[in-house]
Amino acid sequence: MARKPNTQAKGAAVKAAPEGEKLSGDLVIVTGPEGGRWRTGRQFGPTPVEIPVEHITEDEIKVLLDDPKLSVKPGRAIEPDADKTEEE
């Protein structure tokens, strides 16, 4: 039986939106080893890579979750408040 990917990893961090900004869009945040690692056509290293969920399939998420050298966490994108006006 196929295992469904668990993107809500235990203890996973989720970004908090700063005041005046709204949370939007789910992300998969992947961190790899120091020397880098290629999976699902992407390279992962010590700098976290944020992948919008609409740009990754469930099968790709499963591949990432099954790789013991990768850290995979859920996250949220931060979108500036549309009602905010820029200071000139």
N, C-alpha and C. Protein backbone atom coordinates (compact mmCIF):
# COMPACT_ATOMS: atom_id res chain seq x y z
N MET A 1 0.84 -1.18 0.00
CA MET A 1 0.00 0.00 0.00
C MET A 1 0.89 1.24 0.00
N ALA A 2 0.58 2.21 -0.84
CA ALA A 2 1.38 3.43 -0.97
C ALA A 2 1.14 4.33 0.24
N ARG A 3 2.22 4.90 0.71
CA ARG A 3 2.15 5.82 1.85
C ARG A 3 1.91 7.23 1.33
N LYS A 4 0.96 7.92 1.96
CA LYS A 4 0.66 9.30 1.57
C LYS A 4 1.71 10.22 2.18
N PRO A 5 2.27 11.16 1.40
CA PRO A 5 3.29 12.06 1.93
C PRO A 5 2.77 12.87 3.11
N ASN A 6 3.60 13.00 4.13
CA ASN A 6 3.25 13.79 5.29
C ASN A 6 4.07 15.07 5.26
N THR A 7 3.50 16.14 4.75
CA THR A 7 4.23 17.41 4.69
C THR A 7 4.11 18.16 6.01
N GLN A 8 3.29 17.68 6.91
CA GLN A 8 3.17 18.29 8.23
C GLN A 8 4.10 17.54 9.19
N ALA A 9 5.38 17.58 8.91
CA ALA A 9 6.37 16.87 9.70
C ALA A 9 6.33 17.31 11.15
N LYS A 10 6.51 16.34 12.04
CA LYS A 10 6.47 16.60 13.47
C LYS A 10 7.50 17.67 13.84
N GLY A 11 7.07 18.67 14.56
CA GLY A 11 7.97 19.72 14.99
C GLY A 11 8.39 20.69 13.90
N ALA A 12 7.74 20.63 12.75
CA ALA A 12 8.13 21.49 11.63
C ALA A 12 7.79 22.94 11.93
N ALA A 13 8.66 23.82 11.50
CA ALA A 13 8.45 25.25 11.71
C ALA A 13 7.60 25.83 10.60
N VAL A 14 6.79 26.79 10.94
CA VAL A 14 5.99 27.52 9.96
C VAL A 14 6.30 28.99 10.15
N LYS A 15 6.52 29.70 9.06
CA LYS A 15 6.84 31.12 9.14
C LYS A 15 5.66 31.90 9.69
N ALA A 16 5.94 32.85 10.52
CA ALA A 16 4.91 33.76 11.02
C ALA A 16 4.95 35.02 10.17
N ALA A 17 3.79 35.54 9.84
CA ALA A 17 3.73 36.76 9.05
C ALA A 17 3.99 37.96 9.95
N PRO A 18 4.86 38.86 9.52
CA PRO A 18 5.05 40.10 10.27
C PRO A 18 3.75 40.90 10.28
N GLU A 19 3.60 41.79 11.24
CA GLU A 19 2.39 42.60 11.33
C GLU A 19 2.17 43.36 10.02
N GLY A 20 0.93 43.39 9.55
CA GLY A 20 0.61 44.11 8.32
C GLY A 20 0.79 43.28 7.06
N GLU A 21 1.18 42.02 7.20
CA GLU A 21 1.32 41.15 6.04
C GLU A 21 0.44 39.93 6.22
N LYS A 22 0.02 39.34 5.11
CA LYS A 22 -0.86 38.18 5.14
C LYS A 22 -0.10 36.94 4.71
N LEU A 23 -0.49 35.80 5.28
CA LEU A 23 0.09 34.53 4.85
C LEU A 23 -0.65 34.06 3.60
N SER A 24 0.10 33.55 2.63
CA SER A 24 -0.57 32.99 1.45
C SER A 24 0.32 31.94 0.83
N GLY A 25 -0.31 30.91 0.29
CA GLY A 25 0.40 29.87 -0.43
C GLY A 25 1.22 28.95 0.43
N ASP A 26 1.04 27.67 0.24
CA ASP A 26 1.81 26.67 0.98
C ASP A 26 3.14 26.41 0.29
N LEU A 27 4.14 26.12 1.08
CA LEU A 27 5.47 25.82 0.59
C LEU A 27 5.95 24.48 1.15
N VAL A 28 6.86 23.86 0.44
CA VAL A 28 7.64 22.76 0.95
C VAL A 28 9.06 23.32 1.07
N ILE A 29 9.63 23.26 2.28
CA ILE A 29 10.96 23.82 2.52
C ILE A 29 11.93 22.65 2.69
N VAL A 30 12.94 22.60 1.81
CA VAL A 30 13.87 21.46 1.79
C VAL A 30 15.30 21.96 2.03
N THR A 31 15.98 21.28 2.96
CA THR A 31 17.38 21.56 3.24
C THR A 31 18.17 20.28 3.03
N GLY A 32 19.32 20.39 2.38
CA GLY A 32 20.15 19.22 2.09
C GLY A 32 21.49 19.27 2.79
N PRO A 33 22.36 18.32 2.48
CA PRO A 33 23.68 18.26 3.10
C PRO A 33 24.62 19.34 2.57
N GLU A 34 25.71 19.56 3.27
CA GLU A 34 26.71 20.57 2.92
C GLU A 34 27.18 20.43 1.47
N GLY A 35 27.43 19.21 1.03
CA GLY A 35 27.94 18.98 -0.32
C GLY A 35 26.88 19.04 -1.41
N GLY A 36 25.62 19.22 -1.03
CA GLY A 36 24.53 19.28 -1.99
C GLY A 36 23.98 17.91 -2.35
N ARG A 37 22.78 17.89 -2.85
CA ARG A 37 22.12 16.65 -3.24
C ARG A 37 21.05 16.99 -4.27
N TRP A 38 21.03 16.24 -5.36
CA TRP A 38 20.02 16.43 -6.40
C TRP A 38 18.88 15.45 -6.20
N ARG A 39 17.65 15.95 -6.19
CA ARG A 39 16.45 15.13 -6.16
C ARG A 39 15.35 15.89 -6.90
N THR A 40 14.50 15.19 -7.57
CA THR A 40 13.34 15.74 -8.29
C THR A 40 13.72 16.89 -9.22
N GLY A 41 14.92 16.81 -9.82
CA GLY A 41 15.36 17.84 -10.75
C GLY A 41 15.79 19.14 -10.10
N ARG A 42 15.99 19.11 -8.78
CA ARG A 42 16.41 20.32 -8.05
C ARG A 42 17.62 19.99 -7.19
N GLN A 43 18.45 21.00 -6.93
CA GLN A 43 19.60 20.79 -6.06
C GLN A 43 19.29 21.37 -4.68
N PHE A 44 19.62 20.59 -3.65
CA PHE A 44 19.40 21.01 -2.27
C PHE A 44 20.72 21.00 -1.52
N GLY A 45 20.95 22.04 -0.75
CA GLY A 45 22.15 22.15 0.06
C GLY A 45 21.78 22.71 1.41
N PRO A 46 22.75 23.30 2.12
CA PRO A 46 22.49 23.81 3.47
C PRO A 46 21.56 25.03 3.52
N THR A 47 21.41 25.73 2.40
CA THR A 47 20.47 26.86 2.35
C THR A 47 19.08 26.31 2.00
N PRO A 48 18.06 26.57 2.84
CA PRO A 48 16.72 26.05 2.57
C PRO A 48 16.19 26.50 1.20
N VAL A 49 15.55 25.56 0.50
CA VAL A 49 14.91 25.84 -0.79
C VAL A 49 13.41 25.79 -0.57
N GLU A 50 12.72 26.87 -0.92
CA GLU A 50 11.26 26.95 -0.77
C GLU A 50 10.61 26.63 -2.11
N ILE A 51 9.77 25.59 -2.11
CA ILE A 51 9.08 25.17 -3.33
C ILE A 51 7.57 25.36 -3.11
N PRO A 52 6.92 26.22 -3.89
CA PRO A 52 5.46 26.34 -3.78
C PRO A 52 4.81 24.99 -4.11
N VAL A 53 3.79 24.61 -3.34
CA VAL A 53 3.18 23.30 -3.56
C VAL A 53 2.60 23.13 -4.95
N GLU A 54 2.25 24.23 -5.61
CA GLU A 54 1.72 24.10 -6.97
C GLU A 54 2.82 23.77 -7.98
N HIS A 55 4.09 23.82 -7.56
CA HIS A 55 5.22 23.50 -8.44
C HIS A 55 5.84 22.14 -8.14
N ILE A 56 5.17 21.32 -7.32
CA ILE A 56 5.72 20.02 -6.95
C ILE A 56 4.57 19.02 -6.84
N THR A 57 4.82 17.80 -7.30
CA THR A 57 3.78 16.76 -7.25
C THR A 57 3.86 15.99 -5.94
N GLU A 58 2.80 15.26 -5.62
CA GLU A 58 2.81 14.41 -4.42
C GLU A 58 3.89 13.34 -4.52
N ASP A 59 4.12 12.81 -5.72
CA ASP A 59 5.18 11.82 -5.91
C ASP A 59 6.55 12.42 -5.63
N GLU A 60 6.77 13.68 -6.06
CA GLU A 60 8.05 14.34 -5.79
C GLU A 60 8.22 14.59 -4.29
N ILE A 61 7.15 14.98 -3.61
CA ILE A 61 7.21 15.18 -2.16
C ILE A 61 7.58 13.88 -1.47
N LYS A 62 7.01 12.77 -1.92
CA LYS A 62 7.32 11.46 -1.34
C LYS A 62 8.80 11.14 -1.51
N VAL A 63 9.35 11.40 -2.70
CA VAL A 63 10.78 11.16 -2.95
C VAL A 63 11.62 11.97 -1.97
N LEU A 64 11.26 13.24 -1.77
CA LEU A 64 12.02 14.10 -0.86
C LEU A 64 11.91 13.60 0.58
N LEU A 65 10.69 13.23 1.00
CA LEU A 65 10.48 12.75 2.36
C LEU A 65 11.21 11.44 2.63
N ASP A 66 11.33 10.61 1.61
CA ASP A 66 11.99 9.30 1.77
C ASP A 66 13.51 9.38 1.76
N ASP A 67 14.07 10.55 1.44
CA ASP A 67 15.53 10.70 1.39
C ASP A 67 16.04 11.10 2.77
N PRO A 68 16.81 10.24 3.43
CA PRO A 68 17.27 10.54 4.80
C PRO A 68 18.26 11.70 4.88
N LYS A 69 18.81 12.12 3.76
CA LYS A 69 19.79 13.23 3.78
C LYS A 69 19.12 14.59 3.59
N LEU A 70 17.80 14.60 3.42
CA LEU A 70 17.07 15.85 3.24
C LEU A 70 16.16 16.12 4.42
N SER A 71 16.05 17.38 4.77
CA SER A 71 15.08 17.83 5.78
C SER A 71 13.94 18.48 5.01
N VAL A 72 12.71 17.98 5.21
CA VAL A 72 11.55 18.49 4.48
C VAL A 72 10.53 19.00 5.49
N LYS A 73 10.16 20.27 5.36
CA LYS A 73 9.21 20.89 6.29
C LYS A 73 8.15 21.65 5.52
N PRO A 74 6.95 21.76 6.11
CA PRO A 74 5.92 22.62 5.49
C PRO A 74 6.20 24.07 5.85
N GLY A 75 5.68 24.98 5.05
CA GLY A 75 5.84 26.40 5.35
C GLY A 75 4.76 27.21 4.66
N ARG A 76 4.76 28.50 4.91
CA ARG A 76 3.81 29.41 4.30
C ARG A 76 4.57 30.57 3.69
N ALA A 77 4.14 30.99 2.52
CA ALA A 77 4.74 32.17 1.88
C ALA A 77 4.17 33.42 2.55
N ILE A 78 4.95 34.47 2.57
CA ILE A 78 4.49 35.73 3.13
C ILE A 78 4.25 36.70 1.98
N GLU A 79 3.06 37.25 1.96
CA GLU A 79 2.66 38.19 0.89
C GLU A 79 2.41 39.55 1.51
N PRO A 80 3.00 40.61 0.98
CA PRO A 80 2.75 41.95 1.52
C PRO A 80 1.27 42.28 1.46
N ASP A 81 0.80 43.03 2.43
CA ASP A 81 -0.59 43.45 2.50
C ASP A 81 -0.90 44.34 1.30
N ALA A 82 -1.90 43.97 0.52
CA ALA A 82 -2.27 44.72 -0.68
C ALA A 82 -2.79 46.11 -0.35
N ASP A 83 -3.30 46.31 0.88
CA ASP A 83 -3.84 47.60 1.26
C ASP A 83 -2.76 48.59 1.69
N LYS A 84 -1.55 48.11 1.91
CA LYS A 84 -0.45 48.98 2.33
C LYS A 84 -0.04 49.91 1.20
N THR A 85 0.27 51.14 1.52
CA THR A 85 0.77 52.06 0.51
C THR A 85 2.25 52.29 0.77
N GLU A 86 3.00 52.46 -0.30
CA GLU A 86 4.45 52.69 -0.17
C GLU A 86 4.71 54.11 0.27
N GLU A 87 5.71 54.26 1.14
CA GLU A 87 6.12 55.59 1.55
C GLU A 87 7.05 56.15 0.48
N GLU A 88 6.89 57.40 0.16
CA GLU A 88 7.72 58.01 -0.87
C GLU A 88 8.77 58.89 -0.27
